[in-house]
Amino acid sequence: MSEWTDVDAAAEFVPGTCRCVEVDGVVIAVFNVDGRYYAIEDLCSHESSTLSNGTLSGLEITCPRHAARFSLVTGAALSPPAYEPVPVFPVRVEAGRVEVRDSRFD
């Protein structure tokens, strides 16, 4: 089972922002959307571009390279040129800290 990895203090992680953290060699982008946290792999499934510096709109992130859109909730590709989803990860707030973990291999 993977461990929880610290991302940031919840008080410092304001809505509309993103933080990235590496977990077992995988960069995970954690987004604060209206006080709720969502985590996806920071890698577009179309051409391996980072998603964390894309445009956040509601619960969607748009890849800055080719404008593919992804759901922060499910990881689903919502528009071409991406057709494959990106992995999503569990996020929690524990003792005032936002934490994430890669549970794919549990």
PDB file of N, CA and C in Angstrom:
ATOM      1  N   MET A   1       0.839  -1.170   0.000  1.00  0.00           N
ATOM      2  CA  MET A   1       0.000   0.000   0.000  1.00  0.00           C
ATOM      3  C   MET A   1       0.889   1.240   0.000  1.00  0.00           C
ATOM      4  N   SER A   2       0.551   2.226  -0.825  1.00  0.00           N
ATOM      5  CA  SER A   2       1.345   3.449  -0.877  1.00  0.00           C
ATOM      6  C   SER A   2       1.006   4.363   0.292  1.00  0.00           C
ATOM      7  N   GLU A   3       1.954   5.202   0.623  1.00  0.00           N
ATOM      8  CA  GLU A   3       1.797   6.157   1.720  1.00  0.00           C
ATOM      9  C   GLU A   3       1.208   7.453   1.186  1.00  0.00           C
ATOM     10  N   TRP A   4       0.638   8.224   2.093  1.00  0.00           N
ATOM     11  CA  TRP A   4       0.154   9.556   1.754  1.00  0.00           C
ATOM     12  C   TRP A   4       1.355  10.489   1.663  1.00  0.00           C
ATOM     13  N   THR A   5       1.360  11.379   0.677  1.00  0.00           N
ATOM     14  CA  THR A   5       2.427  12.339   0.463  1.00  0.00           C
ATOM     15  C   THR A   5       1.903  13.747   0.686  1.00  0.00           C
ATOM     16  N   ASP A   6       2.650  14.522   1.463  1.00  0.00           N
ATOM     17  CA  ASP A   6       2.261  15.899   1.762  1.00  0.00           C
ATOM     18  C   ASP A   6       2.358  16.764   0.506  1.00  0.00           C
ATOM     19  N   VAL A   7       1.333  17.612   0.305  1.00  0.00           N
ATOM     20  CA  VAL A   7       1.310  18.527  -0.831  1.00  0.00           C
ATOM     21  C   VAL A   7       1.554  19.962  -0.362  1.00  0.00           C
ATOM     22  N   ASP A   8       0.739  20.416   0.607  1.00  0.00           N
ATOM     23  CA  ASP A   8       0.842  21.788   1.103  1.00  0.00           C
ATOM     24  C   ASP A   8      -0.119  21.957   2.268  1.00  0.00           C
ATOM     25  N   ALA A   9       0.051  23.046   3.000  1.00  0.00           N
ATOM     26  CA  ALA A   9      -0.905  23.390   4.047  1.00  0.00           C
ATOM     27  C   ALA A   9      -2.201  23.825   3.379  1.00  0.00           C
ATOM     28  N   ALA A  10      -3.322  23.319   3.845  1.00  0.00           N
ATOM     29  CA  ALA A  10      -4.613  23.669   3.264  1.00  0.00           C
ATOM     30  C   ALA A  10      -4.838  25.177   3.297  1.00  0.00           C
ATOM     31  N   ALA A  11      -4.386  25.845   4.354  1.00  0.00           N
ATOM     32  CA  ALA A  11      -4.569  27.295   4.487  1.00  0.00           C
ATOM     33  C   ALA A  11      -3.791  28.075   3.427  1.00  0.00           C
ATOM     34  N   GLU A  12      -2.715  27.488   2.908  1.00  0.00           N
ATOM     35  CA  GLU A  12      -1.889  28.149   1.895  1.00  0.00           C
ATOM     36  C   GLU A  12      -2.278  27.768   0.466  1.00  0.00           C
ATOM     37  N   PHE A  13      -3.127  26.792   0.331  1.00  0.00           N
ATOM     38  CA  PHE A  13      -3.493  26.237  -0.973  1.00  0.00           C
ATOM     39  C   PHE A  13      -4.850  26.813  -1.374  1.00  0.00           C
ATOM     40  N   VAL A  14      -4.835  28.001  -1.947  1.00  0.00           N
ATOM     41  CA  VAL A  14      -6.070  28.740  -2.207  1.00  0.00           C
ATOM     42  C   VAL A  14      -6.830  28.185  -3.414  1.00  0.00           C
ATOM     43  N   PRO A  15      -8.162  28.359  -3.428  1.00  0.00           N
ATOM     44  CA  PRO A  15      -8.966  27.901  -4.559  1.00  0.00           C
ATOM     45  C   PRO A  15      -8.474  28.490  -5.883  1.00  0.00           C
ATOM     46  N   GLY A  16      -8.536  27.655  -6.916  1.00  0.00           N
ATOM     47  CA  GLY A  16      -8.123  28.065  -8.249  1.00  0.00           C
ATOM     48  C   GLY A  16      -6.648  27.847  -8.532  1.00  0.00           C
ATOM     49  N   THR A  17      -5.933  27.228  -7.569  1.00  0.00           N
ATOM     50  CA  THR A  17      -4.507  26.995  -7.769  1.00  0.00           C
ATOM     51  C   THR A  17      -4.192  25.507  -7.865  1.00  0.00           C
ATOM     52  N   CYS A  18      -2.972  25.240  -8.263  1.00  0.00           N
ATOM     53  CA  CYS A  18      -2.492  23.872  -8.439  1.00  0.00           C
ATOM     54  C   CYS A  18      -1.127  23.744  -7.781  1.00  0.00           C
ATOM     55  N   ARG A  19      -0.873  22.579  -7.209  1.00  0.00           N
ATOM     56  CA  ARG A  19       0.446  22.240  -6.672  1.00  0.00           C
ATOM     57  C   ARG A  19       0.834  20.887  -7.273  1.00  0.00           C
ATOM     58  N   CYS A  20       2.120  20.708  -7.543  1.00  0.00           N
ATOM     59  CA  CYS A  20       2.603  19.427  -8.052  1.00  0.00           C
ATOM     60  C   CYS A  20       3.515  18.786  -7.025  1.00  0.00           C
ATOM     61  N   VAL A  21       3.443  17.468  -6.972  1.00  0.00           N
ATOM     62  CA  VAL A  21       4.284  16.703  -6.061  1.00  0.00           C
ATOM     63  C   VAL A  21       4.637  15.389  -6.753  1.00  0.00           C
ATOM     64  N   GLU A  22       5.843  14.906  -6.500  1.00  0.00           N
ATOM     65  CA  GLU A  22       6.263  13.631  -7.078  1.00  0.00           C
ATOM     66  C   GLU A  22       6.005  12.511  -6.080  1.00  0.00           C
ATOM     67  N   VAL A  23       5.338  11.464  -6.553  1.00  0.00           N
ATOM     68  CA  VAL A  23       5.043  10.296  -5.733  1.00  0.00           C
ATOM     69  C   VAL A  23       5.550   9.068  -6.485  1.00  0.00           C
ATOM     70  N   ASP A  24       6.573   8.424  -5.951  1.00  0.00           N
ATOM     71  CA  ASP A  24       7.148   7.229  -6.571  1.00  0.00           C
ATOM     72  C   ASP A  24       7.468   7.430  -8.056  1.00  0.00           C
ATOM     73  N   GLY A  25       8.056   8.579  -8.376  1.00  0.00           N
ATOM     74  CA  GLY A  25       8.459   8.853  -9.749  1.00  0.00           C
ATOM     75  C   GLY A  25       7.376   9.388 -10.652  1.00  0.00           C
ATOM     76  N   VAL A  26       6.172   9.579 -10.122  1.00  0.00           N
ATOM     77  CA  VAL A  26       5.052  10.099 -10.903  1.00  0.00           C
ATOM     78  C   VAL A  26       4.734  11.506 -10.406  1.00  0.00           C
ATOM     79  N   VAL A  27       4.682  12.468 -11.331  1.00  0.00           N
ATOM     80  CA  VAL A  27       4.315  13.830 -10.936  1.00  0.00           C
ATOM     81  C   VAL A  27       2.790  13.922 -10.928  1.00  0.00           C
ATOM     82  N   ILE A  28       2.268  14.330  -9.783  1.00  0.00           N
ATOM     83  CA  ILE A  28       0.823  14.453  -9.588  1.00  0.00           C
ATOM     84  C   ILE A  28       0.489  15.926  -9.412  1.00  0.00           C
ATOM     85  N   ALA A  29      -0.496  16.398 -10.178  1.00  0.00           N
ATOM     86  CA  ALA A  29      -0.983  17.770 -10.063  1.00  0.00           C
ATOM     87  C   ALA A  29      -2.228  17.744  -9.181  1.00  0.00           C
ATOM     88  N   VAL A  30      -2.207  18.540  -8.120  1.00  0.00           N
ATOM     89  CA  VAL A  30      -3.332  18.629  -7.190  1.00  0.00           C
ATOM     90  C   VAL A  30      -3.955  20.012  -7.345  1.00  0.00           C
ATOM     91  N   PHE A  31      -5.250  20.047  -7.599  1.00  0.00           N
ATOM     92  CA  PHE A  31      -5.975  21.285  -7.847  1.00  0.00           C
ATOM     93  C   PHE A  31      -6.936  21.565  -6.699  1.00  0.00           C
ATOM     94  N   ASN A  32      -7.051  22.821  -6.312  1.00  0.00           N
ATOM     95  CA  ASN A  32      -8.064  23.258  -5.358  1.00  0.00           C
ATOM     96  C   ASN A  32      -9.134  23.968  -6.172  1.00  0.00           C
ATOM     97  N   VAL A  33     -10.316  23.364  -6.233  1.00  0.00           N
ATOM     98  CA  VAL A  33     -11.445  23.961  -6.947  1.00  0.00           C
ATOM     99  C   VAL A  33     -12.533  24.233  -5.917  1.00  0.00           C
ATOM    100  N   ASP A  34     -12.689  25.503  -5.582  1.00  0.00           N
ATOM    101  CA  ASP A  34     -13.713  25.923  -4.608  1.00  0.00           C
ATOM    102  C   ASP A  34     -13.605  25.173  -3.288  1.00  0.00           C
ATOM    103  N   GLY A  35     -12.378  24.936  -2.839  1.00  0.00           N
ATOM    104  CA  GLY A  35     -12.159  24.284  -1.546  1.00  0.00           C
ATOM    105  C   GLY A  35     -12.181  22.773  -1.572  1.00  0.00           C
ATOM    106  N   ARG A  36     -12.381  22.175  -2.741  1.00  0.00           N
ATOM    107  CA  ARG A  36     -12.305  20.719  -2.892  1.00  0.00           C
ATOM    108  C   ARG A  36     -11.060  20.402  -3.698  1.00  0.00           C
ATOM    109  N   TYR A  37     -10.443  19.278  -3.372  1.00  0.00           N
ATOM    110  CA  TYR A  37      -9.159  18.933  -3.974  1.00  0.00           C
ATOM    111  C   TYR A  37      -9.301  17.759  -4.941  1.00  0.00           C
ATOM    112  N   TYR A  38      -8.602  17.881  -6.079  1.00  0.00           N
ATOM    113  CA  TYR A  38      -8.615  16.854  -7.117  1.00  0.00           C
ATOM    114  C   TYR A  38      -7.181  16.630  -7.564  1.00  0.00           C
ATOM    115  N   ALA A  39      -6.837  15.383  -7.850  1.00  0.00           N
ATOM    116  CA  ALA A  39      -5.468  15.069  -8.251  1.00  0.00           C
ATOM    117  C   ALA A  39      -5.460  14.190  -9.492  1.00  0.00           C
ATOM    118  N   ILE A  40      -4.633  14.581 -10.452  1.00  0.00           N
ATOM    119  CA  ILE A  40      -4.453  13.825 -11.684  1.00  0.00           C
ATOM    120  C   ILE A  40      -2.963  13.732 -11.981  1.00  0.00           C
ATOM    121  N   GLU A  41      -2.598  12.763 -12.809  1.00  0.00           N
ATOM    122  CA  GLU A  41      -1.207  12.711 -13.254  1.00  0.00           C
ATOM    123  C   GLU A  41      -0.939  13.939 -14.110  1.00  0.00           C
ATOM    124  N   ASP A  42       0.202  14.572 -13.897  1.00  0.00           N
ATOM    125  CA  ASP A  42       0.535  15.817 -14.585  1.00  0.00           C
ATOM    126  C   ASP A  42       1.144  15.536 -15.952  1.00  0.00           C
ATOM    127  N   LEU A  43       0.411  14.769 -16.748  1.00  0.00           N
ATOM    128  CA  LEU A  43       0.920  14.355 -18.049  1.00  0.00           C
ATOM    129  C   LEU A  43      -0.247  14.125 -19.002  1.00  0.00           C
ATOM    130  N   CYS A  44      -0.330  14.942 -20.024  1.00  0.00           N
ATOM    131  CA  CYS A  44      -1.386  14.789 -21.029  1.00  0.00           C
ATOM    132  C   CYS A  44      -1.239  13.433 -21.720  1.00  0.00           C
ATOM    133  N   SER A  45      -2.343  12.748 -21.885  1.00  0.00           N
ATOM    134  CA  SER A  45      -2.292  11.425 -22.533  1.00  0.00           C
ATOM    135  C   SER A  45      -2.110  11.524 -24.045  1.00  0.00           C
ATOM    136  N   HIS A  46      -2.199  12.707 -24.600  1.00  0.00           N
ATOM    137  CA  HIS A  46      -2.030  12.872 -26.040  1.00  0.00           C
ATOM    138  C   HIS A  46      -0.557  12.930 -26.431  1.00  0.00           C
ATOM    139  N   GLU A  47       0.217  13.828 -25.821  1.00  0.00           N
ATOM    140  CA  GLU A  47       1.626  13.946 -26.193  1.00  0.00           C
ATOM    141  C   GLU A  47       2.531  14.265 -25.019  1.00  0.00           C
ATOM    142  N   SER A  48       2.185  13.777 -23.857  1.00  0.00           N
ATOM    143  CA  SER A  48       3.048  13.881 -22.674  1.00  0.00           C
ATOM    144  C   SER A  48       3.447  15.300 -22.280  1.00  0.00           C
ATOM    145  N   SER A  49       2.557  16.245 -22.444  1.00  0.00           N
ATOM    146  CA  SER A  49       2.796  17.607 -21.963  1.00  0.00           C
ATOM    147  C   SER A  49       2.278  17.722 -20.535  1.00  0.00           C
ATOM    148  N   THR A  50       2.856  18.643 -19.770  1.00  0.00           N
ATOM    149  CA  THR A  50       2.349  18.857 -18.416  1.00  0.00           C
ATOM    150  C   THR A  50       0.992  19.543 -18.475  1.00  0.00           C
ATOM    151  N   LEU A  51       0.110  19.128 -17.570  1.00  0.00           N
ATOM    152  CA  LEU A  51      -1.226  19.707 -17.510  1.00  0.00           C
ATOM    153  C   LEU A  51      -1.333  20.809 -16.466  1.00  0.00           C
ATOM    154  N   SER A  52      -0.451  20.791 -15.483  1.00  0.00           N
ATOM    155  CA  SER A  52      -0.569  21.716 -14.355  1.00  0.00           C
ATOM    156  C   SER A  52      -0.491  23.184 -14.757  1.00  0.00           C
ATOM    157  N   ASN A  53       0.141  23.492 -15.873  1.00  0.00           N
ATOM    158  CA  ASN A  53       0.202  24.887 -16.307  1.00  0.00           C
ATOM    159  C   ASN A  53      -0.842  25.194 -17.377  1.00  0.00           C
ATOM    160  N   GLY A  54      -1.843  24.317 -17.499  1.00  0.00           N
ATOM    161  CA  GLY A  54      -2.947  24.542 -18.424  1.00  0.00           C
ATOM    162  C   GLY A  54      -3.993  25.462 -17.824  1.00  0.00           C
ATOM    163  N   THR A  55      -5.085  25.637 -18.540  1.00  0.00           N
ATOM    164  CA  THR A  55      -6.174  26.507 -18.102  1.00  0.00           C
ATOM    165  C   THR A  55      -7.192  25.694 -17.314  1.00  0.00           C
ATOM    166  N   LEU A  56      -7.451  26.128 -16.091  1.00  0.00           N
ATOM    167  CA  LEU A  56      -8.437  25.488 -15.223  1.00  0.00           C
ATOM    168  C   LEU A  56      -9.777  26.178 -15.409  1.00  0.00           C
ATOM    169  N   SER A  57     -10.811  25.398 -15.691  1.00  0.00           N
ATOM    170  CA  SER A  57     -12.161  25.935 -15.861  1.00  0.00           C
ATOM    171  C   SER A  57     -13.128  24.980 -15.187  1.00  0.00           C
ATOM    172  N   GLY A  58     -13.621  25.370 -14.022  1.00  0.00           N
ATOM    173  CA  GLY A  58     -14.491  24.473 -13.263  1.00  0.00           C
ATOM    174  C   GLY A  58     -13.725  23.224 -12.899  1.00  0.00           C
ATOM    175  N   LEU A  59     -14.272  22.081 -13.266  1.00  0.00           N
ATOM    176  CA  LEU A  59     -13.645  20.794 -12.963  1.00  0.00           C
ATOM    177  C   LEU A  59     -12.921  20.204 -14.172  1.00  0.00           C
ATOM    178  N   GLU A  60     -12.453  21.089 -15.051  1.00  0.00           N
ATOM    179  CA  GLU A  60     -11.714  20.666 -16.242  1.00  0.00           C
ATOM    180  C   GLU A  60     -10.395  21.403 -16.333  1.00  0.00           C
ATOM    181  N   ILE A  61      -9.381  20.712 -16.865  1.00  0.00           N
ATOM    182  CA  ILE A  61      -8.088  21.323 -17.153  1.00  0.00           C
ATOM    183  C   ILE A  61      -7.841  21.174 -18.657  1.00  0.00           C
ATOM    184  N   THR A  62      -7.363  22.240 -19.276  1.00  0.00           N
ATOM    185  CA  THR A  62      -7.063  22.220 -20.707  1.00  0.00           C
ATOM    186  C   THR A  62      -5.557  22.183 -20.891  1.00  0.00           C
ATOM    187  N   CYS A  63      -5.104  21.219 -21.650  1.00  0.00           N
ATOM    188  CA  CYS A  63      -3.678  21.071 -21.934  1.00  0.00           C
ATOM    189  C   CYS A  63      -3.188  22.301 -22.699  1.00  0.00           C
ATOM    190  N   PRO A  64      -2.094  22.907 -22.250  1.00  0.00           N
ATOM    191  CA  PRO A  64      -1.603  24.100 -22.921  1.00  0.00           C
ATOM    192  C   PRO A  64      -0.983  23.838 -24.295  1.00  0.00           C
ATOM    193  N   ARG A  65      -0.684  22.604 -24.591  1.00  0.00           N
ATOM    194  CA  ARG A  65      -0.004  22.303 -25.861  1.00  0.00           C
ATOM    195  C   ARG A  65      -0.966  22.167 -27.042  1.00  0.00           C
ATOM    196  N   HIS A  66      -2.004  21.337 -26.904  1.00  0.00           N
ATOM    197  CA  HIS A  66      -2.923  21.114 -28.021  1.00  0.00           C
ATOM    198  C   HIS A  66      -4.390  21.294 -27.644  1.00  0.00           C
ATOM    199  N   ALA A  67      -4.655  21.836 -26.452  1.00  0.00           N
ATOM    200  CA  ALA A  67      -6.009  22.205 -26.006  1.00  0.00           C
ATOM    201  C   ALA A  67      -6.942  21.025 -25.722  1.00  0.00           C
ATOM    202  N   ALA A  68      -6.392  19.848 -25.504  1.00  0.00           N
ATOM    203  CA  ALA A  68      -7.243  18.730 -25.073  1.00  0.00           C
ATOM    204  C   ALA A  68      -7.728  19.034 -23.656  1.00  0.00           C
ATOM    205  N   ARG A  69      -8.975  18.683 -23.367  1.00  0.00           N
ATOM    206  CA  ARG A  69      -9.550  18.931 -22.049  1.00  0.00           C
ATOM    207  C   ARG A  69      -9.720  17.618 -21.297  1.00  0.00           C
ATOM    208  N   PHE A  70      -9.513  17.675 -19.962  1.00  0.00           N
ATOM    209  CA  PHE A  70      -9.630  16.498 -19.103  1.00  0.00           C
ATOM    210  C   PHE A  70     -10.475  16.818 -17.878  1.00  0.00           C
ATOM    211  N   SER A  71     -11.221  15.825 -17.423  1.00  0.00           N
ATOM    212  CA  SER A  71     -11.995  15.941 -16.195  1.00  0.00           C
ATOM    213  C   SER A  71     -11.070  15.747 -15.003  1.00  0.00           C
ATOM    214  N   LEU A  72     -11.139  16.664 -14.037  1.00  0.00           N
ATOM    215  CA  LEU A  72     -10.375  16.489 -12.806  1.00  0.00           C
ATOM    216  C   LEU A  72     -10.992  15.411 -11.925  1.00  0.00           C
ATOM    217  N   VAL A  73     -12.261  15.129 -12.115  1.00  0.00           N
ATOM    218  CA  VAL A  73     -12.980  14.156 -11.287  1.00  0.00           C
ATOM    219  C   VAL A  73     -12.686  12.731 -11.730  1.00  0.00           C
ATOM    220  N   THR A  74     -12.762  12.483 -13.039  1.00  0.00           N
ATOM    221  CA  THR A  74     -12.620  11.121 -13.551  1.00  0.00           C
ATOM    222  C   THR A  74     -11.330  10.883 -14.332  1.00  0.00           C
ATOM    223  N   GLY A  75     -10.687  11.961 -14.772  1.00  0.00           N
ATOM    224  CA  GLY A  75      -9.510  11.838 -15.624  1.00  0.00           C
ATOM    225  C   GLY A  75      -9.851  11.648 -17.089  1.00  0.00           C
ATOM    226  N   ALA A  76     -11.135  11.572 -17.424  1.00  0.00           N
ATOM    227  CA  ALA A  76     -11.558  11.326 -18.801  1.00  0.00           C
ATOM    228  C   ALA A  76     -11.084  12.418 -19.742  1.00  0.00           C
ATOM    229  N   ALA A  77     -10.679  12.002 -20.943  1.00  0.00           N
ATOM    230  CA  ALA A  77     -10.383  12.946 -22.015  1.00  0.00           C
ATOM    231  C   ALA A  77     -11.717  13.460 -22.534  1.00  0.00           C
ATOM    232  N   LEU A  78     -11.886  14.770 -22.556  1.00  0.00           N
ATOM    233  CA  LEU A  78     -13.171  15.367 -22.919  1.00  0.00           C
ATOM    234  C   LEU A  78     -13.186  15.964 -24.313  1.00  0.00           C
ATOM    235  N   SER A  79     -12.006  16.046 -24.941  1.00  0.00           N
ATOM    236  CA  SER A  79     -11.955  16.596 -26.299  1.00  0.00           C
ATOM    237  C   SER A  79     -10.699  16.117 -27.002  1.00  0.00           C
ATOM    238  N   PRO A  80     -10.772  16.018 -28.347  1.00  0.00           N
ATOM    239  CA  PRO A  80      -9.578  15.693 -29.095  1.00  0.00           C
ATOM    240  C   PRO A  80      -8.565  16.822 -28.965  1.00  0.00           C
ATOM    241  N   PRO A  81      -7.314  16.555 -29.175  1.00  0.00           N
ATOM    242  CA  PRO A  81      -6.758  15.338 -29.750  1.00  0.00           C
ATOM    243  C   PRO A  81      -6.514  14.215 -28.742  1.00  0.00           C
ATOM    244  N   ALA A  82      -6.857  14.410 -27.477  1.00  0.00           N
ATOM    245  CA  ALA A  82      -6.682  13.325 -26.497  1.00  0.00           C
ATOM    246  C   ALA A  82      -7.907  12.422 -26.503  1.00  0.00           C
ATOM    247  N   TYR A  83      -7.660  11.118 -26.418  1.00  0.00           N
ATOM    248  CA  TYR A  83      -8.748  10.143 -26.357  1.00  0.00           C
ATOM    249  C   TYR A  83      -8.613   9.228 -25.149  1.00  0.00           C
ATOM    250  N   GLU A  84      -7.413   9.156 -24.589  1.00  0.00           N
ATOM    251  CA  GLU A  84      -7.163   8.312 -23.419  1.00  0.00           C
ATOM    252  C   GLU A  84      -7.249   9.150 -22.142  1.00  0.00           C
ATOM    253  N   PRO A  85      -7.778   8.577 -21.067  1.00  0.00           N
ATOM    254  CA  PRO A  85      -7.865   9.316 -19.799  1.00  0.00           C
ATOM    255  C   PRO A  85      -6.496   9.454 -19.145  1.00  0.00           C
ATOM    256  N   VAL A  86      -6.428  10.334 -18.145  1.00  0.00           N
ATOM    257  CA  VAL A  86      -5.249  10.436 -17.296  1.00  0.00           C
ATOM    258  C   VAL A  86      -5.621   9.861 -15.936  1.00  0.00           C
ATOM    259  N   PRO A  87      -4.672   9.261 -15.230  1.00  0.00           N
ATOM    260  CA  PRO A  87      -4.982   8.696 -13.909  1.00  0.00           C
ATOM    261  C   PRO A  87      -5.388   9.780 -12.905  1.00  0.00           C
ATOM    262  N   VAL A  88      -6.334   9.427 -12.036  1.00  0.00           N
ATOM    263  CA  VAL A  88      -6.733  10.289 -10.927  1.00  0.00           C
ATOM    264  C   VAL A  88      -6.278   9.630  -9.624  1.00  0.00           C
ATOM    265  N   PHE A  89      -6.121  10.431  -8.579  1.00  0.00           N
ATOM    266  CA  PHE A  89      -5.579   9.940  -7.319  1.00  0.00           C
ATOM    267  C   PHE A  89      -6.404  10.454  -6.141  1.00  0.00           C
ATOM    268  N   PRO A  90      -6.453   9.683  -5.052  1.00  0.00           N
ATOM    269  CA  PRO A  90      -7.167  10.147  -3.859  1.00  0.00           C
ATOM    270  C   PRO A  90      -6.423  11.294  -3.181  1.00  0.00           C
ATOM    271  N   VAL A  91      -7.200  12.238  -2.655  1.00  0.00           N
ATOM    272  CA  VAL A  91      -6.670  13.386  -1.940  1.00  0.00           C
ATOM    273  C   VAL A  91      -7.419  13.494  -0.619  1.00  0.00           C
ATOM    274  N   ARG A  92      -6.725  13.917   0.423  1.00  0.00           N
ATOM    275  CA  ARG A  92      -7.381  14.136   1.711  1.00  0.00           C
ATOM    276  C   ARG A  92      -6.727  15.327   2.402  1.00  0.00           C
ATOM    277  N   VAL A  93      -7.436  15.864   3.397  1.00  0.00           N
ATOM    278  CA  VAL A  93      -6.862  16.886   4.270  1.00  0.00           C
ATOM    279  C   VAL A  93      -6.751  16.247   5.638  1.00  0.00           C
ATOM    280  N   GLU A  94      -5.525  16.198   6.150  1.00  0.00           N
ATOM    281  CA  GLU A  94      -5.226  15.567   7.433  1.00  0.00           C
ATOM    282  C   GLU A  94      -4.399  16.546   8.261  1.00  0.00           C
ATOM    283  N   ALA A  95      -4.911  16.899   9.439  1.00  0.00           N
ATOM    284  CA  ALA A  95      -4.215  17.827  10.347  1.00  0.00           C
ATOM    285  C   ALA A  95      -3.841  19.129   9.641  1.00  0.00           C
ATOM    286  N   GLY A  96      -4.756  19.617   8.784  1.00  0.00           N
ATOM    287  CA  GLY A  96      -4.531  20.884   8.099  1.00  0.00           C
ATOM    288  C   GLY A  96      -3.614  20.815   6.901  1.00  0.00           C
ATOM    289  N   ARG A  97      -3.202  19.609   6.498  1.00  0.00           N
ATOM    290  CA  ARG A  97      -2.304  19.415   5.359  1.00  0.00           C
ATOM    291  C   ARG A  97      -3.030  18.662   4.250  1.00  0.00           C
ATOM    292  N   VAL A  98      -2.841  19.104   3.023  1.00  0.00           N
ATOM    293  CA  VAL A  98      -3.384  18.398   1.864  1.00  0.00           C
ATOM    294  C   VAL A  98      -2.411  17.277   1.530  1.00  0.00           C
ATOM    295  N   GLU A  99      -2.946  16.066   1.364  1.00  0.00           N
ATOM    296  CA  GLU A  99      -2.115  14.901   1.064  1.00  0.00           C
ATOM    297  C   GLU A  99      -2.706  14.137  -0.123  1.00  0.00           C
ATOM    298  N   VAL A 100      -1.831  13.461  -0.850  1.00  0.00           N
ATOM    299  CA  VAL A 100      -2.234  12.675  -2.017  1.00  0.00           C
ATOM    300  C   VAL A 100      -1.478  11.342  -1.975  1.00  0.00           C
ATOM    301  N   ARG A 101      -2.019  10.350  -2.657  1.00  0.00           N
ATOM    302  CA  ARG A 101      -1.288   9.091  -2.770  1.00  0.00           C
ATOM    303  C   ARG A 101      -1.619   8.394  -4.078  1.00  0.00           C
ATOM    304  N   ASP A 102      -0.683   7.589  -4.534  1.00  0.00           N
ATOM    305  CA  ASP A 102      -0.866   6.797  -5.742  1.00  0.00           C
ATOM    306  C   ASP A 102      -1.360   5.437  -5.309  1.00  0.00           C
ATOM    307  N   SER A 103      -2.646   5.202  -5.456  1.00  0.00           N
ATOM    308  CA  SER A 103      -3.268   3.962  -4.985  1.00  0.00           C
ATOM    309  C   SER A 103      -3.426   2.927  -6.098  1.00  0.00           C
ATOM    310  N   ARG A 104      -2.840   3.178  -7.260  1.00  0.00           N
ATOM    311  CA  ARG A 104      -3.044   2.259  -8.396  1.00  0.00           C
ATOM    312  C   ARG A 104      -2.513   0.865  -8.170  1.00  0.00           C
ATOM    313  N   PHE A 105      -1.513   0.700  -7.315  1.00  0.00           N
ATOM    314  CA  PHE A 105      -0.892  -0.613  -7.144  1.00  0.00           C
ATOM    315  C   PHE A 105      -1.139  -1.218  -5.776  1.00  0.00           C
ATOM    316  N   ASP A 106      -2.122  -0.685  -5.064  1.00  0.00           N
ATOM    317  CA  ASP A 106      -2.471  -1.221  -3.728  1.00  0.00           C
ATOM    318  C   ASP A 106      -3.085  -2.607  -3.836  1.00  0.00           C
TER     319      ASP A 106
END
